[in-house]
N, C-alpha and C. Protein backbone atom coordinates (compact mmCIF):
# COMPACT_ATOMS: atom_id res chain seq x y z
N MET A 1 -107.52 2.25 6.39
CA MET A 1 -107.08 2.15 7.65
C MET A 1 -106.54 3.83 7.56
N ALA A 2 -105.95 4.14 6.83
CA ALA A 2 -105.11 5.22 7.13
C ALA A 2 -106.26 6.54 7.74
N GLY A 3 -106.95 6.96 6.84
CA GLY A 3 -108.42 7.96 6.92
C GLY A 3 -109.50 7.50 8.18
N GLU A 4 -109.28 5.96 9.06
CA GLU A 4 -110.03 5.77 9.44
C GLU A 4 -110.54 6.52 11.08
N ASN A 5 -111.75 7.09 11.26
CA ASN A 5 -111.94 7.73 12.21
C ASN A 5 -111.98 6.70 13.36
N ALA A 6 -112.35 7.37 14.41
CA ALA A 6 -112.51 6.55 15.64
C ALA A 6 -114.00 5.57 15.87
N GLY A 7 -115.06 5.86 15.53
CA GLY A 7 -116.32 5.15 15.03
C GLY A 7 -115.73 3.92 14.34
N GLU A 8 -115.02 4.05 13.20
CA GLU A 8 -114.88 3.14 12.46
C GLU A 8 -114.03 2.18 12.88
N LYS A 9 -113.03 2.52 13.96
CA LYS A 9 -112.26 1.64 14.55
C LYS A 9 -112.73 1.12 15.44
N ARG A 10 -113.53 1.42 15.91
CA ARG A 10 -114.68 0.65 17.00
C ARG A 10 -115.41 -0.42 16.35
N GLN A 11 -116.11 -0.29 15.31
CA GLN A 11 -116.73 -0.87 14.75
C GLN A 11 -116.09 -2.06 14.33
N ARG A 12 -114.70 -2.25 13.58
CA ARG A 12 -113.62 -2.90 13.71
C ARG A 12 -113.32 -3.75 14.44
N ALA A 13 -113.05 -3.36 15.60
CA ALA A 13 -112.70 -4.10 16.51
C ALA A 13 -113.80 -4.83 17.49
N LYS A 14 -114.79 -4.53 17.39
CA LYS A 14 -116.32 -5.11 17.23
C LYS A 14 -116.30 -6.55 16.58
N ARG A 15 -116.42 -6.07 15.54
CA ARG A 15 -116.17 -7.30 14.25
C ARG A 15 -115.16 -8.43 14.22
N GLU A 16 -114.19 -7.78 14.94
CA GLU A 16 -113.00 -8.79 15.13
C GLU A 16 -113.06 -9.45 16.46
N GLU A 17 -113.58 -8.75 17.52
CA GLU A 17 -113.75 -9.63 18.70
C GLU A 17 -114.95 -10.58 18.95
N LYS A 18 -116.02 -10.46 17.82
CA LYS A 18 -117.15 -11.03 17.53
C LYS A 18 -116.28 -12.30 16.53
N ALA A 19 -115.62 -12.08 15.83
CA ALA A 19 -114.88 -13.26 14.82
C ALA A 19 -114.34 -14.36 15.97
N ARG A 20 -113.48 -13.81 16.85
CA ARG A 20 -112.69 -14.35 17.78
C ARG A 20 -113.44 -15.14 18.62
N ILE A 21 -114.88 -14.72 19.03
CA ILE A 21 -115.47 -15.31 20.03
C ILE A 21 -116.29 -16.43 19.20
N LYS A 22 -116.42 -16.16 17.74
CA LYS A 22 -117.13 -17.35 16.83
C LYS A 22 -116.16 -18.77 17.19
N VAL A 23 -114.94 -18.17 16.76
CA VAL A 23 -113.63 -19.15 16.71
C VAL A 23 -113.85 -20.13 17.58
N ALA A 24 -113.67 -19.38 18.68
CA ALA A 24 -113.87 -20.29 20.46
C ALA A 24 -114.89 -20.97 20.40
N GLU A 25 -115.50 -20.57 19.91
CA GLU A 25 -117.33 -21.69 20.40
C GLU A 25 -117.25 -22.42 19.52
N VAL A 26 -116.49 -22.51 17.95
CA VAL A 26 -116.14 -23.64 17.31
C VAL A 26 -115.54 -24.29 18.04
N TRP A 27 -114.50 -24.26 18.34
CA TRP A 27 -113.42 -24.96 19.36
C TRP A 27 -114.12 -25.97 20.05
N ASP A 28 -115.18 -25.25 20.92
CA ASP A 28 -115.65 -25.87 22.27
C ASP A 28 -116.61 -26.93 21.31
N THR A 29 -117.13 -26.52 20.37
CA THR A 29 -118.45 -27.78 19.72
C THR A 29 -117.55 -28.92 19.22
N VAL A 30 -116.57 -28.87 18.35
CA VAL A 30 -116.25 -29.79 18.00
C VAL A 30 -115.38 -31.16 18.65
N LEU A 31 -115.63 -32.37 18.28
CA LEU A 31 -115.40 -33.24 19.66
C LEU A 31 -114.26 -34.05 19.16
N PHE A 32 -113.16 -33.94 20.06
CA PHE A 32 -111.66 -33.98 20.66
C PHE A 32 -111.35 -32.69 20.04
N ALA A 33 -111.86 -31.52 20.12
CA ALA A 33 -111.23 -30.59 19.80
C ALA A 33 -109.43 -29.72 20.75
N GLN A 34 -109.94 -30.15 22.12
CA GLN A 34 -108.71 -30.10 22.55
C GLN A 34 -107.87 -30.86 22.55
N VAL A 35 -108.04 -31.85 22.22
CA VAL A 35 -107.08 -33.35 22.21
C VAL A 35 -106.55 -33.03 20.89
N ILE A 36 -106.77 -32.71 19.53
CA ILE A 36 -106.65 -32.20 18.47
C ILE A 36 -105.57 -31.00 18.48
N ARG A 37 -106.03 -29.97 19.53
CA ARG A 37 -105.61 -28.53 19.42
C ARG A 37 -103.90 -28.86 20.38
N GLY A 38 -104.27 -29.55 20.89
CA GLY A 38 -103.17 -29.87 22.22
C GLY A 38 -102.17 -30.56 21.17
N SER A 39 -102.43 -31.85 20.79
CA SER A 39 -101.26 -32.49 19.95
C SER A 39 -100.72 -31.39 18.78
N LEU A 40 -101.52 -30.71 18.58
CA LEU A 40 -101.09 -29.86 17.24
C LEU A 40 -99.39 -28.99 18.02
N LEU A 41 -100.28 -28.07 19.46
CA LEU A 41 -99.48 -27.29 20.00
C LEU A 41 -98.08 -27.88 20.36
N LEU A 42 -98.11 -29.39 21.21
CA LEU A 42 -97.20 -29.81 21.52
C LEU A 42 -96.08 -30.23 20.11
N THR A 43 -96.71 -30.82 18.73
CA THR A 43 -95.75 -31.11 17.98
C THR A 43 -95.26 -30.18 17.45
N GLN A 44 -95.89 -29.22 17.16
CA GLN A 44 -95.40 -27.24 16.78
C GLN A 44 -94.34 -26.94 17.19
N SER A 45 -94.43 -27.07 18.82
CA SER A 45 -93.51 -26.69 19.58
C SER A 45 -92.28 -27.38 19.42
N ILE A 46 -92.35 -28.55 19.74
CA ILE A 46 -90.84 -29.67 19.54
C ILE A 46 -90.36 -29.51 18.04
N PHE A 47 -91.54 -29.49 17.15
CA PHE A 47 -90.95 -29.28 15.50
C PHE A 47 -89.94 -28.03 15.61
N ARG A 48 -90.47 -26.63 16.05
CA ARG A 48 -89.89 -25.61 15.75
C ARG A 48 -88.37 -25.52 16.78
N LYS A 49 -88.46 -25.92 17.87
CA LYS A 49 -87.50 -26.13 18.78
C LYS A 49 -86.08 -26.95 18.30
N TYR A 50 -86.51 -28.16 18.14
CA TYR A 50 -85.55 -28.83 17.98
C TYR A 50 -84.99 -29.15 16.51
N ILE A 51 -85.80 -28.60 15.09
CA ILE A 51 -85.99 -29.05 13.84
C ILE A 51 -85.51 -27.72 12.85
N ILE A 52 -86.91 -27.15 13.15
CA ILE A 52 -86.73 -25.98 12.22
C ILE A 52 -85.68 -24.84 12.81
N LEU A 53 -85.87 -24.33 13.81
CA LEU A 53 -84.42 -23.35 14.41
C LEU A 53 -82.96 -24.02 14.28
N PRO A 54 -82.93 -25.11 14.54
CA PRO A 54 -81.61 -25.40 14.10
C PRO A 54 -80.97 -25.71 13.00
N SER A 55 -82.18 -26.25 11.79
CA SER A 55 -82.22 -26.01 10.43
C SER A 55 -81.29 -24.88 10.07
N LEU A 56 -82.64 -23.88 10.09
CA LEU A 56 -82.13 -22.66 9.75
C LEU A 56 -80.89 -21.88 10.27
N ILE A 57 -80.38 -22.29 11.44
CA ILE A 57 -79.11 -21.97 11.91
C ILE A 57 -77.81 -22.22 11.19
N ILE A 58 -78.00 -23.39 10.82
CA ILE A 58 -77.25 -24.18 10.00
C ILE A 58 -77.22 -23.65 8.58
N VAL A 59 -78.08 -23.71 8.05
CA VAL A 59 -78.66 -23.24 6.38
C VAL A 59 -77.41 -21.36 6.54
N LYS A 60 -78.16 -20.74 7.76
CA LYS A 60 -77.71 -19.04 7.70
C LYS A 60 -76.02 -19.41 7.96
N ASN A 61 -75.11 -20.24 8.43
CA ASN A 61 -73.96 -20.16 8.79
C ASN A 61 -72.98 -20.46 7.55
N ILE A 62 -73.86 -21.85 6.99
CA ILE A 62 -73.07 -22.23 5.54
C ILE A 62 -73.23 -21.09 4.56
N GLY A 63 -74.23 -20.51 4.49
CA GLY A 63 -74.61 -19.24 3.19
C GLY A 63 -73.43 -18.36 3.78
N ARG A 64 -73.15 -17.75 5.03
CA ARG A 64 -72.23 -16.70 5.57
C ARG A 64 -70.91 -17.60 5.33
N MET A 65 -70.45 -18.89 5.27
CA MET A 65 -69.00 -19.34 4.80
C MET A 65 -69.30 -19.32 3.51
N LEU A 66 -70.08 -19.15 2.63
CA LEU A 66 -70.04 -19.33 0.68
C LEU A 66 -69.59 -17.90 0.87
N LEU A 67 -70.59 -16.75 1.27
CA LEU A 67 -70.12 -15.57 1.27
C LEU A 67 -68.88 -15.13 1.56
N PHE A 68 -67.71 -16.23 2.24
CA PHE A 68 -66.52 -15.51 3.00
C PHE A 68 -66.66 -14.82 4.23
N GLN A 69 -68.42 -14.78 4.96
CA GLN A 69 -68.44 -13.90 5.90
C GLN A 69 -67.73 -15.08 7.42
N SER A 70 -67.66 -14.41 8.53
CA SER A 70 -67.57 -15.25 9.66
C SER A 70 -68.50 -15.64 10.27
N PRO A 71 -68.78 -17.11 10.47
CA PRO A 71 -70.23 -17.53 10.80
C PRO A 71 -70.08 -17.12 12.43
N GLU A 72 -71.68 -17.27 12.59
CA GLU A 72 -71.97 -16.85 13.98
C GLU A 72 -73.07 -18.13 15.07
N TRP A 73 -71.94 -19.43 14.77
CA TRP A 73 -72.72 -20.62 15.62
C TRP A 73 -72.74 -19.98 16.80
N SER A 74 -71.78 -19.85 17.72
CA SER A 74 -71.68 -19.66 19.04
C SER A 74 -73.10 -18.72 19.40
N GLU A 75 -73.54 -17.20 18.57
CA GLU A 75 -74.11 -16.35 18.62
C GLU A 75 -75.80 -17.05 18.59
N ASP A 76 -75.91 -17.66 17.67
CA ASP A 76 -77.08 -18.32 17.31
C ASP A 76 -77.16 -19.53 18.30
N LEU A 77 -76.31 -20.21 18.55
CA LEU A 77 -76.82 -21.11 19.86
C LEU A 77 -77.12 -20.91 20.86
N LYS A 78 -76.71 -19.37 21.33
CA LYS A 78 -76.78 -18.97 22.62
C LYS A 78 -78.30 -18.32 22.59
N ASP A 79 -78.57 -17.82 21.20
CA ASP A 79 -79.68 -17.35 21.41
C ASP A 79 -80.79 -18.66 21.34
N LEU A 80 -80.50 -19.72 20.69
CA LEU A 80 -81.61 -20.89 20.45
C LEU A 80 -81.82 -21.51 22.23
N ASN A 81 -80.93 -21.28 22.75
CA ASN A 81 -80.87 -21.51 24.13
C ASN A 81 -81.51 -20.78 25.24
N ARG A 82 -81.46 -19.69 24.62
CA ARG A 82 -82.40 -18.60 25.23
C ARG A 82 -84.06 -18.45 25.13
N GLU A 83 -84.50 -19.52 23.83
CA GLU A 83 -85.79 -19.62 23.85
C GLU A 83 -86.46 -20.77 24.78
N MET A 84 -87.50 -20.70 25.68
CA MET A 84 -88.17 -21.36 26.55
C MET A 84 -89.34 -21.87 26.69
N HIS A 85 -90.07 -23.25 25.94
CA HIS A 85 -91.23 -23.38 25.75
C HIS A 85 -91.90 -23.70 27.22
N ILE A 86 -92.98 -22.92 27.76
CA ILE A 86 -93.39 -22.75 29.05
C ILE A 86 -94.88 -23.35 28.60
N LYS A 87 -95.18 -24.60 29.22
CA LYS A 87 -96.45 -25.23 29.43
C LYS A 87 -97.44 -24.30 30.25
N CYS A 88 -98.71 -23.76 30.02
CA CYS A 88 -99.49 -23.53 30.75
C CYS A 88 -100.92 -24.33 30.63
N THR A 89 -101.89 -24.05 31.64
CA THR A 89 -103.15 -24.38 31.60
C THR A 89 -103.89 -23.63 30.25
N TYR A 90 -105.13 -24.39 30.05
CA TYR A 90 -105.61 -23.66 28.60
C TYR A 90 -106.23 -21.90 29.44
N ASN A 91 -106.00 -22.02 30.53
CA ASN A 91 -106.66 -20.10 31.37
C ASN A 91 -104.91 -19.69 31.29
N GLY A 92 -104.02 -20.40 31.10
CA GLY A 92 -102.79 -19.29 30.83
C GLY A 92 -101.93 -19.30 32.17
N VAL A 93 -102.16 -20.45 33.12
CA VAL A 93 -101.58 -20.17 34.45
C VAL A 93 -100.37 -21.39 33.84
N GLN A 94 -99.25 -20.57 34.55
CA GLN A 94 -98.05 -21.16 33.95
C GLN A 94 -97.86 -22.25 34.76
N LEU A 95 -96.88 -23.53 34.43
CA LEU A 95 -96.68 -24.56 34.91
C LEU A 95 -94.96 -24.28 34.90
N SER A 96 -94.35 -25.12 36.06
CA SER A 96 -93.01 -25.38 35.55
C SER A 96 -92.26 -26.53 34.41
N GLU A 97 -91.39 -26.28 34.07
CA GLU A 97 -90.71 -26.54 33.09
C GLU A 97 -90.99 -28.18 33.02
N GLY A 98 -90.63 -29.13 33.95
CA GLY A 98 -90.94 -30.15 33.92
C GLY A 98 -92.55 -30.65 34.01
N GLU A 99 -93.41 -29.97 34.46
CA GLU A 99 -94.91 -30.29 34.92
C GLU A 99 -95.68 -30.24 33.38
N PHE A 100 -96.95 -31.13 33.60
CA PHE A 100 -97.71 -31.11 32.58
C PHE A 100 -99.02 -30.78 33.18
N PRO A 101 -99.87 -29.58 32.64
CA PRO A 101 -101.00 -29.77 33.21
C PRO A 101 -101.90 -31.22 33.17
N GLN A 102 -102.60 -31.26 34.49
CA GLN A 102 -103.55 -32.36 34.53
C GLN A 102 -104.80 -32.18 33.62
N ASN A 103 -105.22 -33.52 33.22
CA ASN A 103 -106.21 -33.39 32.51
C ASN A 103 -106.14 -32.68 31.00
N TRP A 104 -105.16 -32.04 30.40
CA TRP A 104 -104.83 -31.46 29.33
C TRP A 104 -105.16 -32.23 28.07
N LEU A 105 -105.75 -33.18 28.01
CA LEU A 105 -106.41 -33.54 26.72
C LEU A 105 -107.77 -33.44 26.67
N ARG A 106 -108.18 -33.10 27.89
CA ARG A 106 -109.71 -32.88 28.31
C ARG A 106 -110.01 -31.27 28.05
N ASP A 107 -109.10 -30.64 28.87
CA ASP A 107 -109.52 -29.18 29.19
C ASP A 107 -108.73 -28.49 28.60
N GLY A 108 -107.48 -28.81 27.71
CA GLY A 108 -106.73 -27.97 26.88
C GLY A 108 -105.19 -27.68 27.05
N ILE A 109 -104.54 -26.79 26.59
CA ILE A 109 -103.31 -26.43 27.12
C ILE A 109 -102.44 -25.48 26.57
N GLN A 110 -102.03 -24.68 26.64
CA GLN A 110 -101.12 -23.29 26.16
C GLN A 110 -99.31 -23.60 25.84
N ILE A 111 -98.58 -22.97 25.14
CA ILE A 111 -97.73 -23.20 24.97
C ILE A 111 -96.96 -21.81 24.85
N LYS A 112 -96.61 -20.83 26.10
CA LYS A 112 -95.85 -19.53 25.77
C LYS A 112 -94.32 -19.86 25.60
N ILE A 113 -93.88 -19.28 24.45
CA ILE A 113 -92.47 -19.07 23.76
C ILE A 113 -91.58 -17.34 24.44
N HIS A 114 -90.80 -18.46 25.81
CA HIS A 114 -90.46 -16.71 26.21
C HIS A 114 -88.83 -16.76 25.81
N PHE A 115 -88.30 -15.67 25.51
CA PHE A 115 -86.88 -15.31 25.31
C PHE A 115 -86.30 -15.05 27.06
N LEU A 116 -85.40 -15.70 27.45
CA LEU A 116 -84.80 -15.15 28.49
C LEU A 116 -83.67 -14.00 28.04
N SER A 117 -83.80 -12.97 28.87
CA SER A 117 -82.93 -11.79 28.71
C SER A 117 -81.59 -12.03 29.01
N VAL A 118 -80.68 -11.61 28.62
CA VAL A 118 -79.15 -11.73 29.04
C VAL A 118 -78.67 -10.92 30.08
């Protein structure tokens, strides 16, 4: 990659784009693909926000206490509360926080994770 010329970079980019298109086509042909994909995205979003990140915060601060350092509970929880999961249509149109896309099981869903600035 270090010695790649412009032609090789374009060829690599074309191959990667073709691979992305092929994956998208496979998702379109699989029966119930959007239902599976949407359910997995929602599960991952909830699992991340309410289980994984709080667990990592707890482990980190307990580790800091064991190393005789001051814990950073308030900063970590502030950062956790800044994380916002925004539901979008499959095409990327953002919806309000409590709103769900119509026909999301059939059409698909995306979840964008934003960090609100301080």
